[in-house]
Amino acid sequence: MEKDRVKNQWAILLCSIGLFVLFSAVECAQTDSQKTHTRPAVAVEVKGEVARPGIYLLDPAAATVGVAAAKAGARVEIPKGEVDRKLLSGQSIEITDKKRGVAIKLGRMPGAALLALGLKLDLNSASSGELLLVPRMRPAIAAQVVAGRSRKPWANVDELRAIRGVGPKTVQTFQEYLEVPAVPDRNEDRQK
């Protein structure tokens, strides 16, 4: 009886090892071309002179003002200088028809929308109310974040340790929801 139980255990162990080896071999046999290496979609908000205002997920390779405006059903023609302008996740596009022509205003989506999409808030521009959406953020800390950046912009989220009541664990939580985005080089934009 004991011998049968041991044989069954060995059989289960060998089958498990066999399945593990089989699945590992199948995974390793896939070539890079078979594996999907997709970049996340670019999430942008489109509002203003459009038929369908809202948040759109765009292919990163084609995330431009023209594509976003077309998806939202722009009611006006987008100026040629703006059509191919690249977009980043979290941007908001407002299309307005003015007497002098169509205007495109880029900004950031509201903090709640950014967080709902899994994007981070900009530590140097999020309002106190938006900061309070971040877990472990208390009103006193949010007020100090805003006050601190009025003296000098935050260089990174780790600098929040200078605020009383913010320790390593709190900073670790904040890093999941806050960032200091890199500022694009203005000269680089002009050269394109």
N, C-alpha and C. Protein backbone atom coordinates (compact mmCIF):
# COMPACT_ATOMS: atom_id res chain seq x y z
N MET A 1 0.83 -1.18 0.00
CA MET A 1 0.00 0.00 0.00
C MET A 1 0.88 1.26 0.00
N GLU A 2 1.89 1.27 0.87
CA GLU A 2 2.82 2.39 0.96
C GLU A 2 3.60 2.53 -0.34
N LYS A 3 3.98 1.39 -0.96
CA LYS A 3 4.72 1.42 -2.22
C LYS A 3 3.89 2.05 -3.33
N ASP A 4 2.59 1.76 -3.35
CA ASP A 4 1.71 2.34 -4.37
C ASP A 4 1.60 3.85 -4.21
N ARG A 5 1.50 4.31 -2.99
CA ARG A 5 1.41 5.74 -2.72
C ARG A 5 2.68 6.46 -3.17
N VAL A 6 3.83 5.88 -2.88
CA VAL A 6 5.11 6.46 -3.27
C VAL A 6 5.22 6.48 -4.79
N LYS A 7 4.80 5.39 -5.46
CA LYS A 7 4.82 5.33 -6.93
C LYS A 7 3.93 6.42 -7.52
N ASN A 8 2.76 6.63 -6.94
CA ASN A 8 1.85 7.68 -7.42
C ASN A 8 2.46 9.07 -7.25
N GLN A 9 3.11 9.28 -6.12
CA GLN A 9 3.74 10.58 -5.89
C GLN A 9 4.86 10.82 -6.90
N TRP A 10 5.65 9.77 -7.17
CA TRP A 10 6.71 9.90 -8.16
C TRP A 10 6.13 10.16 -9.55
N ALA A 11 5.05 9.48 -9.87
CA ALA A 11 4.42 9.66 -11.17
C ALA A 11 3.91 11.10 -11.33
N ILE A 12 3.30 11.63 -10.29
CA ILE A 12 2.81 13.01 -10.32
C ILE A 12 3.98 13.99 -10.47
N LEU A 13 5.04 13.74 -9.73
CA LEU A 13 6.21 14.61 -9.79
C LEU A 13 6.82 14.58 -11.19
N LEU A 14 6.98 13.40 -11.76
CA LEU A 14 7.56 13.27 -13.10
C LEU A 14 6.67 13.93 -14.16
N CYS A 15 5.36 13.75 -14.03
CA CYS A 15 4.43 14.41 -14.97
C CYS A 15 4.53 15.93 -14.86
N SER A 16 4.62 16.42 -13.65
CA SER A 16 4.74 17.87 -13.44
C SER A 16 6.02 18.41 -14.06
N ILE A 17 7.12 17.69 -13.84
CA ILE A 17 8.39 18.11 -14.41
C ILE A 17 8.32 18.07 -15.94
N GLY A 18 7.70 17.01 -16.47
CA GLY A 18 7.55 16.89 -17.92
C GLY A 18 6.75 18.04 -18.51
N LEU A 19 5.63 18.40 -17.86
CA LEU A 19 4.82 19.52 -18.33
C LEU A 19 5.59 20.84 -18.25
N PHE A 20 6.33 21.02 -17.17
CA PHE A 20 7.13 22.24 -17.02
C PHE A 20 8.16 22.34 -18.15
N VAL A 21 8.86 21.24 -18.43
CA VAL A 21 9.87 21.23 -19.49
C VAL A 21 9.21 21.49 -20.85
N LEU A 22 8.05 20.87 -21.08
CA LEU A 22 7.34 21.06 -22.34
C LEU A 22 6.95 22.52 -22.54
N PHE A 23 6.32 23.13 -21.54
CA PHE A 23 5.90 24.53 -21.67
C PHE A 23 7.11 25.46 -21.79
N SER A 24 8.19 25.15 -21.08
CA SER A 24 9.40 25.97 -21.19
C SER A 24 9.99 25.87 -22.59
N ALA A 25 9.99 24.68 -23.16
CA ALA A 25 10.53 24.47 -24.51
C ALA A 25 9.69 25.22 -25.54
N VAL A 26 8.38 25.18 -25.38
CA VAL A 26 7.51 25.89 -26.31
C VAL A 26 7.77 27.39 -26.24
N GLU A 27 7.91 27.92 -25.04
CA GLU A 27 8.17 29.35 -24.86
C GLU A 27 9.51 29.74 -25.47
N CYS A 28 10.53 28.92 -25.25
CA CYS A 28 11.86 29.22 -25.79
C CYS A 28 11.89 29.08 -27.31
N ALA A 29 11.06 28.22 -27.86
CA ALA A 29 11.05 27.99 -29.31
C ALA A 29 10.46 29.16 -30.08
N GLN A 30 9.68 29.98 -29.42
CA GLN A 30 9.10 31.12 -30.12
C GLN A 30 10.20 32.10 -30.49
N THR A 31 10.16 32.59 -31.69
CA THR A 31 11.14 33.58 -32.11
C THR A 31 10.67 34.96 -31.69
N ASP A 32 11.57 35.92 -31.76
CA ASP A 32 11.20 37.28 -31.40
C ASP A 32 10.07 37.82 -32.28
N SER A 33 10.03 37.37 -33.53
CA SER A 33 8.97 37.86 -34.41
C SER A 33 7.61 37.31 -34.02
N GLN A 34 7.59 36.16 -33.34
CA GLN A 34 6.33 35.58 -32.93
C GLN A 34 5.83 36.20 -31.63
N LYS A 35 6.76 36.67 -30.81
CA LYS A 35 6.36 37.27 -29.54
C LYS A 35 5.84 38.67 -29.81
N THR A 36 4.86 39.08 -29.02
CA THR A 36 4.30 40.41 -29.22
C THR A 36 5.07 41.41 -28.36
N HIS A 37 5.65 42.37 -29.01
CA HIS A 37 6.36 43.45 -28.33
C HIS A 37 5.62 44.74 -28.64
N THR A 38 4.52 44.94 -27.98
CA THR A 38 3.72 46.12 -28.27
C THR A 38 3.98 47.21 -27.24
N ARG A 39 3.99 48.42 -27.73
CA ARG A 39 4.08 49.57 -26.84
C ARG A 39 2.68 49.93 -26.42
N PRO A 40 2.51 50.44 -25.22
CA PRO A 40 1.16 50.81 -24.79
C PRO A 40 0.58 51.92 -25.65
N ALA A 41 -0.73 51.89 -25.76
CA ALA A 41 -1.43 52.91 -26.54
C ALA A 41 -1.24 54.28 -25.90
N VAL A 42 -1.34 55.30 -26.71
CA VAL A 42 -1.25 56.68 -26.23
C VAL A 42 -2.67 57.15 -25.93
N ALA A 43 -2.92 57.50 -24.67
CA ALA A 43 -4.25 57.94 -24.24
C ALA A 43 -4.31 59.46 -24.25
N VAL A 44 -5.23 60.00 -25.06
CA VAL A 44 -5.39 61.45 -25.15
C VAL A 44 -6.86 61.83 -25.03
N GLU A 45 -7.11 63.02 -24.48
CA GLU A 45 -8.47 63.55 -24.38
C GLU A 45 -8.65 64.58 -25.49
N VAL A 46 -9.77 64.49 -26.20
CA VAL A 46 -10.07 65.45 -27.27
C VAL A 46 -11.38 66.14 -26.92
N LYS A 47 -11.37 67.47 -26.97
CA LYS A 47 -12.58 68.24 -26.65
C LYS A 47 -12.64 69.48 -27.51
N GLY A 48 -13.77 70.14 -27.48
CA GLY A 48 -13.95 71.36 -28.26
C GLY A 48 -14.83 71.12 -29.47
N GLU A 49 -14.38 71.57 -30.63
CA GLU A 49 -15.15 71.49 -31.87
C GLU A 49 -15.06 70.08 -32.48
N VAL A 50 -15.59 69.10 -31.74
CA VAL A 50 -15.59 67.72 -32.21
C VAL A 50 -16.97 67.10 -31.95
N ALA A 51 -17.33 66.13 -32.77
CA ALA A 51 -18.63 65.46 -32.62
C ALA A 51 -18.65 64.49 -31.44
N ARG A 52 -17.49 63.87 -31.16
CA ARG A 52 -17.42 62.85 -30.11
C ARG A 52 -16.28 63.15 -29.13
N PRO A 53 -16.48 64.14 -28.25
CA PRO A 53 -15.41 64.43 -27.28
C PRO A 53 -15.21 63.25 -26.34
N GLY A 54 -13.97 63.07 -25.92
CA GLY A 54 -13.69 61.98 -24.98
C GLY A 54 -12.22 61.60 -24.99
N ILE A 55 -11.94 60.47 -24.36
CA ILE A 55 -10.58 59.96 -24.27
C ILE A 55 -10.41 58.87 -25.32
N TYR A 56 -9.32 58.97 -26.08
CA TYR A 56 -9.05 58.02 -27.15
C TYR A 56 -7.70 57.34 -26.94
N LEU A 57 -7.64 56.06 -27.28
CA LEU A 57 -6.39 55.31 -27.23
C LEU A 57 -5.87 55.21 -28.67
N LEU A 58 -4.67 55.75 -28.88
CA LEU A 58 -4.10 55.82 -30.22
C LEU A 58 -2.87 54.92 -30.34
N ASP A 59 -2.65 54.41 -31.53
CA ASP A 59 -1.45 53.65 -31.83
C ASP A 59 -0.26 54.58 -31.63
N PRO A 60 0.76 54.17 -30.87
CA PRO A 60 1.89 55.06 -30.61
C PRO A 60 2.57 55.58 -31.88
N ALA A 61 2.58 54.78 -32.94
CA ALA A 61 3.22 55.21 -34.18
C ALA A 61 2.43 56.29 -34.90
N ALA A 62 1.14 56.40 -34.60
CA ALA A 62 0.28 57.36 -35.31
C ALA A 62 -0.42 58.31 -34.34
N ALA A 63 0.19 58.57 -33.21
CA ALA A 63 -0.44 59.43 -32.20
C ALA A 63 -0.14 60.89 -32.52
N THR A 64 -0.97 61.46 -33.39
CA THR A 64 -0.80 62.86 -33.79
C THR A 64 -2.11 63.61 -33.56
N VAL A 65 -2.01 64.92 -33.60
CA VAL A 65 -3.19 65.78 -33.45
C VAL A 65 -4.22 65.45 -34.54
N GLY A 66 -3.75 65.26 -35.77
CA GLY A 66 -4.65 64.96 -36.88
C GLY A 66 -5.42 63.66 -36.68
N VAL A 67 -4.74 62.62 -36.23
CA VAL A 67 -5.40 61.32 -36.00
C VAL A 67 -6.41 61.43 -34.86
N ALA A 68 -6.01 62.08 -33.76
CA ALA A 68 -6.91 62.24 -32.62
C ALA A 68 -8.14 63.06 -33.01
N ALA A 69 -7.94 64.12 -33.77
CA ALA A 69 -9.05 64.98 -34.21
C ALA A 69 -10.01 64.21 -35.11
N ALA A 70 -9.45 63.39 -36.00
CA ALA A 70 -10.29 62.59 -36.90
C ALA A 70 -11.11 61.57 -36.12
N LYS A 71 -10.50 60.90 -35.14
CA LYS A 71 -11.23 59.91 -34.34
C LYS A 71 -12.38 60.56 -33.58
N ALA A 72 -12.16 61.78 -33.12
CA ALA A 72 -13.19 62.48 -32.34
C ALA A 72 -14.21 63.19 -33.23
N GLY A 73 -14.02 63.15 -34.53
CA GLY A 73 -14.96 63.78 -35.44
C GLY A 73 -14.85 65.30 -35.43
N ALA A 74 -13.63 65.79 -35.70
CA ALA A 74 -13.41 67.24 -35.70
C ALA A 74 -14.36 67.91 -36.68
N ARG A 75 -14.96 69.00 -36.23
CA ARG A 75 -15.92 69.75 -37.06
C ARG A 75 -15.23 70.84 -37.89
N VAL A 76 -13.93 70.99 -37.69
CA VAL A 76 -13.16 72.01 -38.39
C VAL A 76 -11.91 71.36 -38.97
N GLU A 77 -11.29 72.03 -39.91
CA GLU A 77 -10.06 71.52 -40.51
C GLU A 77 -8.88 71.90 -39.61
N ILE A 78 -8.07 70.90 -39.30
CA ILE A 78 -6.91 71.12 -38.44
C ILE A 78 -5.82 71.81 -39.26
N PRO A 79 -5.21 72.87 -38.72
CA PRO A 79 -4.15 73.57 -39.46
C PRO A 79 -3.00 72.62 -39.82
N LYS A 80 -2.42 72.85 -41.00
CA LYS A 80 -1.35 71.98 -41.51
C LYS A 80 -0.18 71.86 -40.55
N GLY A 81 0.15 72.93 -39.89
CA GLY A 81 1.27 72.90 -38.94
C GLY A 81 1.00 72.07 -37.70
N GLU A 82 -0.26 71.74 -37.44
CA GLU A 82 -0.63 70.99 -36.24
C GLU A 82 -0.96 69.53 -36.51
N VAL A 83 -1.31 69.18 -37.74
CA VAL A 83 -1.80 67.85 -38.09
C VAL A 83 -0.84 66.74 -37.65
N ASP A 84 0.46 66.92 -37.91
CA ASP A 84 1.44 65.88 -37.62
C ASP A 84 2.12 66.03 -36.26
N ARG A 85 1.63 66.93 -35.45
CA ARG A 85 2.21 67.14 -34.12
C ARG A 85 2.01 65.89 -33.27
N LYS A 86 3.11 65.34 -32.73
CA LYS A 86 3.07 64.11 -31.94
C LYS A 86 2.42 64.37 -30.58
N LEU A 87 1.73 63.33 -30.09
CA LEU A 87 1.06 63.42 -28.79
C LEU A 87 1.64 62.38 -27.83
N LEU A 88 1.53 62.69 -26.55
CA LEU A 88 1.96 61.78 -25.49
C LEU A 88 0.77 61.39 -24.64
N SER A 89 0.85 60.25 -24.00
CA SER A 89 -0.24 59.83 -23.11
C SER A 89 -0.46 60.88 -22.04
N GLY A 90 -1.73 61.14 -21.78
CA GLY A 90 -2.09 62.10 -20.74
C GLY A 90 -2.34 63.50 -21.26
N GLN A 91 -2.12 63.72 -22.54
CA GLN A 91 -2.35 65.06 -23.07
C GLN A 91 -3.83 65.27 -23.37
N SER A 92 -4.22 66.52 -23.29
CA SER A 92 -5.57 66.95 -23.63
C SER A 92 -5.45 67.90 -24.81
N ILE A 93 -6.34 67.71 -25.80
CA ILE A 93 -6.34 68.57 -26.98
C ILE A 93 -7.68 69.30 -27.01
N GLU A 94 -7.62 70.62 -27.06
CA GLU A 94 -8.85 71.40 -27.20
C GLU A 94 -8.80 72.08 -28.56
N ILE A 95 -9.83 71.79 -29.37
CA ILE A 95 -9.91 72.36 -30.72
C ILE A 95 -10.98 73.45 -30.70
N THR A 96 -10.57 74.67 -31.03
CA THR A 96 -11.54 75.77 -31.04
C THR A 96 -11.49 76.49 -32.38
N ASP A 97 -12.65 76.97 -32.82
CA ASP A 97 -12.77 77.72 -34.06
C ASP A 97 -12.88 79.19 -33.70
N LYS A 98 -11.83 79.93 -34.00
CA LYS A 98 -11.80 81.35 -33.68
C LYS A 98 -11.88 82.15 -34.97
N LYS A 99 -12.12 83.42 -34.84
CA LYS A 99 -12.24 84.30 -36.01
C LYS A 99 -10.97 84.28 -36.86
N ARG A 100 -9.83 84.13 -36.20
CA ARG A 100 -8.55 84.12 -36.91
C ARG A 100 -8.17 82.74 -37.43
N GLY A 101 -9.00 81.74 -37.16
CA GLY A 101 -8.70 80.37 -37.61
C GLY A 101 -8.85 79.37 -36.48
N VAL A 102 -8.54 78.15 -36.79
CA VAL A 102 -8.67 77.07 -35.82
C VAL A 102 -7.46 77.08 -34.88
N ALA A 103 -7.74 76.97 -33.59
CA ALA A 103 -6.67 76.94 -32.60
C ALA A 103 -6.63 75.57 -31.93
N ILE A 104 -5.44 75.06 -31.71
CA ILE A 104 -5.22 73.79 -31.03
C ILE A 104 -4.48 74.10 -29.74
N LYS A 105 -5.09 73.76 -28.62
CA LYS A 105 -4.47 74.00 -27.32
C LYS A 105 -4.18 72.64 -26.67
N LEU A 106 -2.92 72.40 -26.37
CA LEU A 106 -2.53 71.16 -25.69
C LEU A 106 -2.37 71.42 -24.21
N GLY A 107 -2.79 70.48 -23.42
CA GLY A 107 -2.66 70.55 -21.97
C GLY A 107 -2.59 69.15 -21.40
N ARG A 108 -2.85 69.04 -20.12
CA ARG A 108 -2.88 67.73 -19.46
C ARG A 108 -4.31 67.37 -19.13
N MET A 109 -4.59 66.06 -19.15
CA MET A 109 -5.91 65.59 -18.75
C MET A 109 -6.06 65.82 -17.24
N PRO A 110 -7.29 65.86 -16.75
CA PRO A 110 -7.50 66.01 -15.30
C PRO A 110 -6.83 64.85 -14.53
N GLY A 111 -6.41 65.15 -13.33
CA GLY A 111 -5.70 64.17 -12.51
C GLY A 111 -6.43 62.86 -12.32
N ALA A 112 -7.74 62.93 -12.09
CA ALA A 112 -8.52 61.69 -11.88
C ALA A 112 -8.47 60.82 -13.13
N ALA A 113 -8.55 61.43 -14.32
CA ALA A 113 -8.49 60.66 -15.57
C ALA A 113 -7.11 60.04 -15.75
N LEU A 114 -6.06 60.79 -15.44
CA LEU A 114 -4.70 60.25 -15.56
C LEU A 114 -4.53 59.02 -14.68
N LEU A 115 -4.93 59.15 -13.42
CA LEU A 115 -4.78 58.04 -12.49
C LEU A 115 -5.64 56.84 -12.89
N ALA A 116 -6.85 57.10 -13.40
CA ALA A 116 -7.72 56.01 -13.82
C ALA A 116 -7.12 55.25 -15.00
N LEU A 117 -6.34 55.93 -15.83
CA LEU A 117 -5.69 55.28 -16.97
C LEU A 117 -4.34 54.66 -16.61
N GLY A 118 -3.97 54.75 -15.33
CA GLY A 118 -2.70 54.19 -14.90
C GLY A 118 -1.52 55.10 -15.19
N LEU A 119 -1.78 56.36 -15.47
CA LEU A 119 -0.73 57.33 -15.73
C LEU A 119 -0.41 58.09 -14.44
N LYS A 120 0.70 58.77 -14.42
CA LYS A 120 1.13 59.47 -13.22
C LYS A 120 0.84 60.97 -13.30
N LEU A 121 0.69 61.57 -12.13
CA LEU A 121 0.50 63.02 -12.04
C LEU A 121 1.87 63.69 -12.04
N ASP A 122 1.93 64.87 -12.64
CA ASP A 122 3.16 65.66 -12.65
C ASP A 122 3.28 66.34 -11.28
N LEU A 123 4.32 66.01 -10.56
CA LEU A 123 4.54 66.54 -9.22
C LEU A 123 4.63 68.06 -9.21
N ASN A 124 5.07 68.66 -10.32
CA ASN A 124 5.25 70.11 -10.37
C ASN A 124 4.07 70.87 -10.94
N SER A 125 2.98 70.16 -11.33
CA SER A 125 1.83 70.90 -11.84
C SER A 125 0.48 70.41 -11.31
N ALA A 126 0.43 69.26 -10.67
CA ALA A 126 -0.83 68.75 -10.14
C ALA A 126 -1.35 69.68 -9.05
N SER A 127 -2.65 69.89 -9.07
CA SER A 127 -3.25 70.75 -8.04
C SER A 127 -3.27 70.01 -6.71
N SER A 128 -3.53 70.76 -5.66
CA SER A 128 -3.62 70.15 -4.33
C SER A 128 -4.73 69.10 -4.31
N GLY A 129 -5.85 69.40 -4.96
CA GLY A 129 -6.96 68.44 -5.03
C GLY A 129 -6.59 67.17 -5.77
N GLU A 130 -5.83 67.32 -6.86
CA GLU A 130 -5.39 66.14 -7.60
C GLU A 130 -4.41 65.32 -6.77
N LEU A 131 -3.52 65.99 -6.06
CA LEU A 131 -2.56 65.28 -5.21
C LEU A 131 -3.27 64.44 -4.15
N LEU A 132 -4.41 64.94 -3.67
CA LEU A 132 -5.15 64.20 -2.65
C LEU A 132 -5.76 62.90 -3.17
N LEU A 133 -5.76 62.68 -4.48
CA LEU A 133 -6.22 61.42 -5.05
C LEU A 133 -5.19 60.30 -4.89
N VAL A 134 -3.97 60.68 -4.57
CA VAL A 134 -2.87 59.72 -4.42
C VAL A 134 -2.96 59.04 -3.05
N PRO A 135 -2.87 57.71 -3.01
CA PRO A 135 -2.89 57.01 -1.72
C PRO A 135 -1.79 57.52 -0.78
N ARG A 136 -2.09 57.60 0.48
CA ARG A 136 -1.20 58.05 1.57
C ARG A 136 -0.94 59.56 1.56
N MET A 137 -1.56 60.28 0.62
CA MET A 137 -1.37 61.73 0.56
C MET A 137 -2.36 62.38 1.52
N ARG A 138 -1.84 63.18 2.43
CA ARG A 138 -2.70 63.90 3.37
C ARG A 138 -2.74 65.37 2.96
N PRO A 139 -3.79 66.09 3.37
CA PRO A 139 -3.89 67.51 2.99
C PRO A 139 -2.65 68.33 3.37
N ALA A 140 -2.08 68.07 4.53
CA ALA A 140 -0.90 68.84 4.95
C ALA A 140 0.28 68.56 4.02
N ILE A 141 0.44 67.32 3.59
CA ILE A 141 1.54 66.97 2.69
C ILE A 141 1.30 67.61 1.31
N ALA A 142 0.07 67.52 0.81
CA ALA A 142 -0.25 68.12 -0.49
C ALA A 142 0.04 69.62 -0.48
N ALA A 143 -0.33 70.28 0.62
CA ALA A 143 -0.08 71.72 0.73
C ALA A 143 1.42 72.00 0.72
N GLN A 144 2.20 71.17 1.37
CA GLN A 144 3.65 71.37 1.39
C GLN A 144 4.29 71.07 0.02
N VAL A 145 3.71 70.12 -0.71
CA VAL A 145 4.20 69.84 -2.06
C VAL A 145 4.02 71.08 -2.94
N VAL A 146 2.82 71.66 -2.88
CA VAL A 146 2.53 72.85 -3.69
C VAL A 146 3.40 74.03 -3.24
N ALA A 147 3.53 74.22 -1.95
CA ALA A 147 4.34 75.32 -1.45
C ALA A 147 5.82 75.13 -1.82
N GLY A 148 6.30 73.90 -1.71
CA GLY A 148 7.70 73.61 -2.02
C GLY A 148 8.05 73.90 -3.47
N ARG A 149 7.16 73.55 -4.38
CA ARG A 149 7.46 73.77 -5.80
C ARG A 149 7.35 75.24 -6.20
N SER A 150 6.68 76.05 -5.38
CA SER A 150 6.62 77.49 -5.69
C SER A 150 7.98 78.14 -5.42
N ARG A 151 8.76 77.54 -4.53
CA ARG A 151 10.11 78.04 -4.26
C ARG A 151 11.11 77.49 -5.27
N LYS A 152 10.97 76.18 -5.57
CA LYS A 152 11.89 75.51 -6.49
C LYS A 152 11.20 74.25 -6.99
N PRO A 153 11.16 74.02 -8.30
CA PRO A 153 10.49 72.81 -8.80
C PRO A 153 11.13 71.54 -8.23
N TRP A 154 10.31 70.55 -8.00
CA TRP A 154 10.81 69.26 -7.52
C TRP A 154 11.60 68.60 -8.64
N ALA A 155 12.77 68.07 -8.31
CA ALA A 155 13.60 67.39 -9.31
C ALA A 155 13.19 65.93 -9.48
N ASN A 156 12.70 65.33 -8.38
CA ASN A 156 12.24 63.94 -8.42
C ASN A 156 11.36 63.67 -7.21
N VAL A 157 10.69 62.55 -7.22
CA VAL A 157 9.74 62.20 -6.15
C VAL A 157 10.47 61.94 -4.83
N ASP A 158 11.70 61.45 -4.89
CA ASP A 158 12.47 61.18 -3.67
C ASP A 158 12.65 62.43 -2.81
N GLU A 159 12.65 63.60 -3.43
CA GLU A 159 12.83 64.84 -2.67
C GLU A 159 11.69 65.09 -1.68
N LEU A 160 10.57 64.40 -1.85
CA LEU A 160 9.44 64.58 -0.93
C LEU A 160 9.78 64.11 0.49
N ARG A 161 10.87 63.37 0.64
CA ARG A 161 11.30 62.93 1.98
C ARG A 161 11.62 64.12 2.88
N ALA A 162 11.87 65.27 2.28
CA ALA A 162 12.16 66.47 3.06
C ALA A 162 10.92 66.98 3.80
N ILE A 163 9.75 66.52 3.40
CA ILE A 163 8.51 66.94 4.04
C ILE A 163 8.29 66.09 5.29
N ARG A 164 7.98 66.77 6.38
CA ARG A 164 7.74 66.06 7.63
C ARG A 164 6.56 65.09 7.48
N GLY A 165 6.76 63.86 7.91
CA GLY A 165 5.72 62.84 7.83
C GLY A 165 5.81 61.98 6.58
N VAL A 166 6.78 62.26 5.71
CA VAL A 166 6.96 61.47 4.49
C VAL A 166 8.25 60.66 4.65
N GLY A 167 8.07 59.36 4.79
CA GLY A 167 9.21 58.47 4.93
C GLY A 167 9.42 57.64 3.67
N PRO A 168 10.34 56.69 3.75
CA PRO A 168 10.67 55.86 2.58
C PRO A 168 9.47 55.07 2.02
N LYS A 169 8.65 54.51 2.89
CA LYS A 169 7.50 53.74 2.41
C LYS A 169 6.47 54.64 1.71
N THR A 170 6.28 55.83 2.26
CA THR A 170 5.34 56.77 1.65
C THR A 170 5.86 57.22 0.29
N VAL A 171 7.15 57.51 0.20
CA VAL A 171 7.75 57.91 -1.08
C VAL A 171 7.61 56.78 -2.09
N GLN A 172 7.81 55.56 -1.64
CA GLN A 172 7.67 54.40 -2.53
C GLN A 172 6.25 54.34 -3.10
N THR A 173 5.25 54.58 -2.26
CA THR A 173 3.86 54.62 -2.74
C THR A 173 3.66 55.79 -3.70
N PHE A 174 4.18 56.96 -3.35
CA PHE A 174 4.03 58.14 -4.21
C PHE A 174 4.64 57.92 -5.59
N GLN A 175 5.75 57.18 -5.67
CA GLN A 175 6.42 56.96 -6.95
C GLN A 175 5.54 56.19 -7.93
N GLU A 176 4.56 55.47 -7.43
CA GLU A 176 3.63 54.75 -8.31
C GLU A 176 2.62 55.70 -8.96
N TYR A 177 2.45 56.89 -8.38
CA TYR A 177 1.39 57.81 -8.83
C TYR A 177 1.89 59.19 -9.25
N LEU A 178 3.13 59.51 -8.90
CA LEU A 178 3.68 60.83 -9.18
C LEU A 178 4.97 60.72 -9.98
N GLU A 179 5.25 61.75 -10.78
CA GLU A 179 6.50 61.79 -11.53
C GLU A 179 6.90 63.22 -11.79
N VAL A 180 8.14 63.39 -12.17
CA VAL A 180 8.63 64.67 -12.67
C VAL A 180 9.06 64.37 -14.10
N PRO A 181 8.17 64.67 -15.07
CA PRO A 181 8.50 64.32 -16.46
C PRO A 181 9.68 65.12 -16.99
N ALA A 182 10.41 64.48 -17.89
CA ALA A 182 11.53 65.17 -18.54
C ALA A 182 10.98 66.27 -19.42
N VAL A 183 11.64 67.39 -19.42
CA VAL A 183 11.22 68.52 -20.24
C VAL A 183 11.86 68.34 -21.62
N PRO A 184 11.02 68.29 -22.68
CA PRO A 184 11.60 68.12 -24.02
C PRO A 184 12.43 69.34 -24.41
N ASP A 185 13.48 69.08 -25.15
CA ASP A 185 14.36 70.14 -25.61
C ASP A 185 13.64 70.95 -26.68
N ARG A 186 13.47 72.23 -26.46
CA ARG A 186 12.75 73.10 -27.40
C ARG A 186 13.45 73.14 -28.77
N ASN A 187 14.79 73.12 -28.77
CA ASN A 187 15.54 73.15 -30.03
C ASN A 187 15.28 71.89 -30.84
N GLU A 188 15.11 70.77 -30.17
CA GLU A 188 14.83 69.50 -30.84
C GLU A 188 13.50 69.58 -31.58
N ASP A 189 12.49 70.20 -30.97
CA ASP A 189 11.19 70.35 -31.62
C ASP A 189 11.30 71.21 -32.89
N ARG A 190 12.12 72.24 -32.83
CA ARG A 190 12.25 73.16 -33.97
C ARG A 190 12.96 72.50 -35.14
N GLN A 191 13.89 71.56 -34.84
CA GLN A 191 14.65 70.91 -35.89
C GLN A 191 13.83 69.91 -36.68
N LYS A 192 12.74 69.44 -36.13
CA LYS A 192 11.94 68.40 -36.80
C LYS A 192 11.08 68.96 -37.90
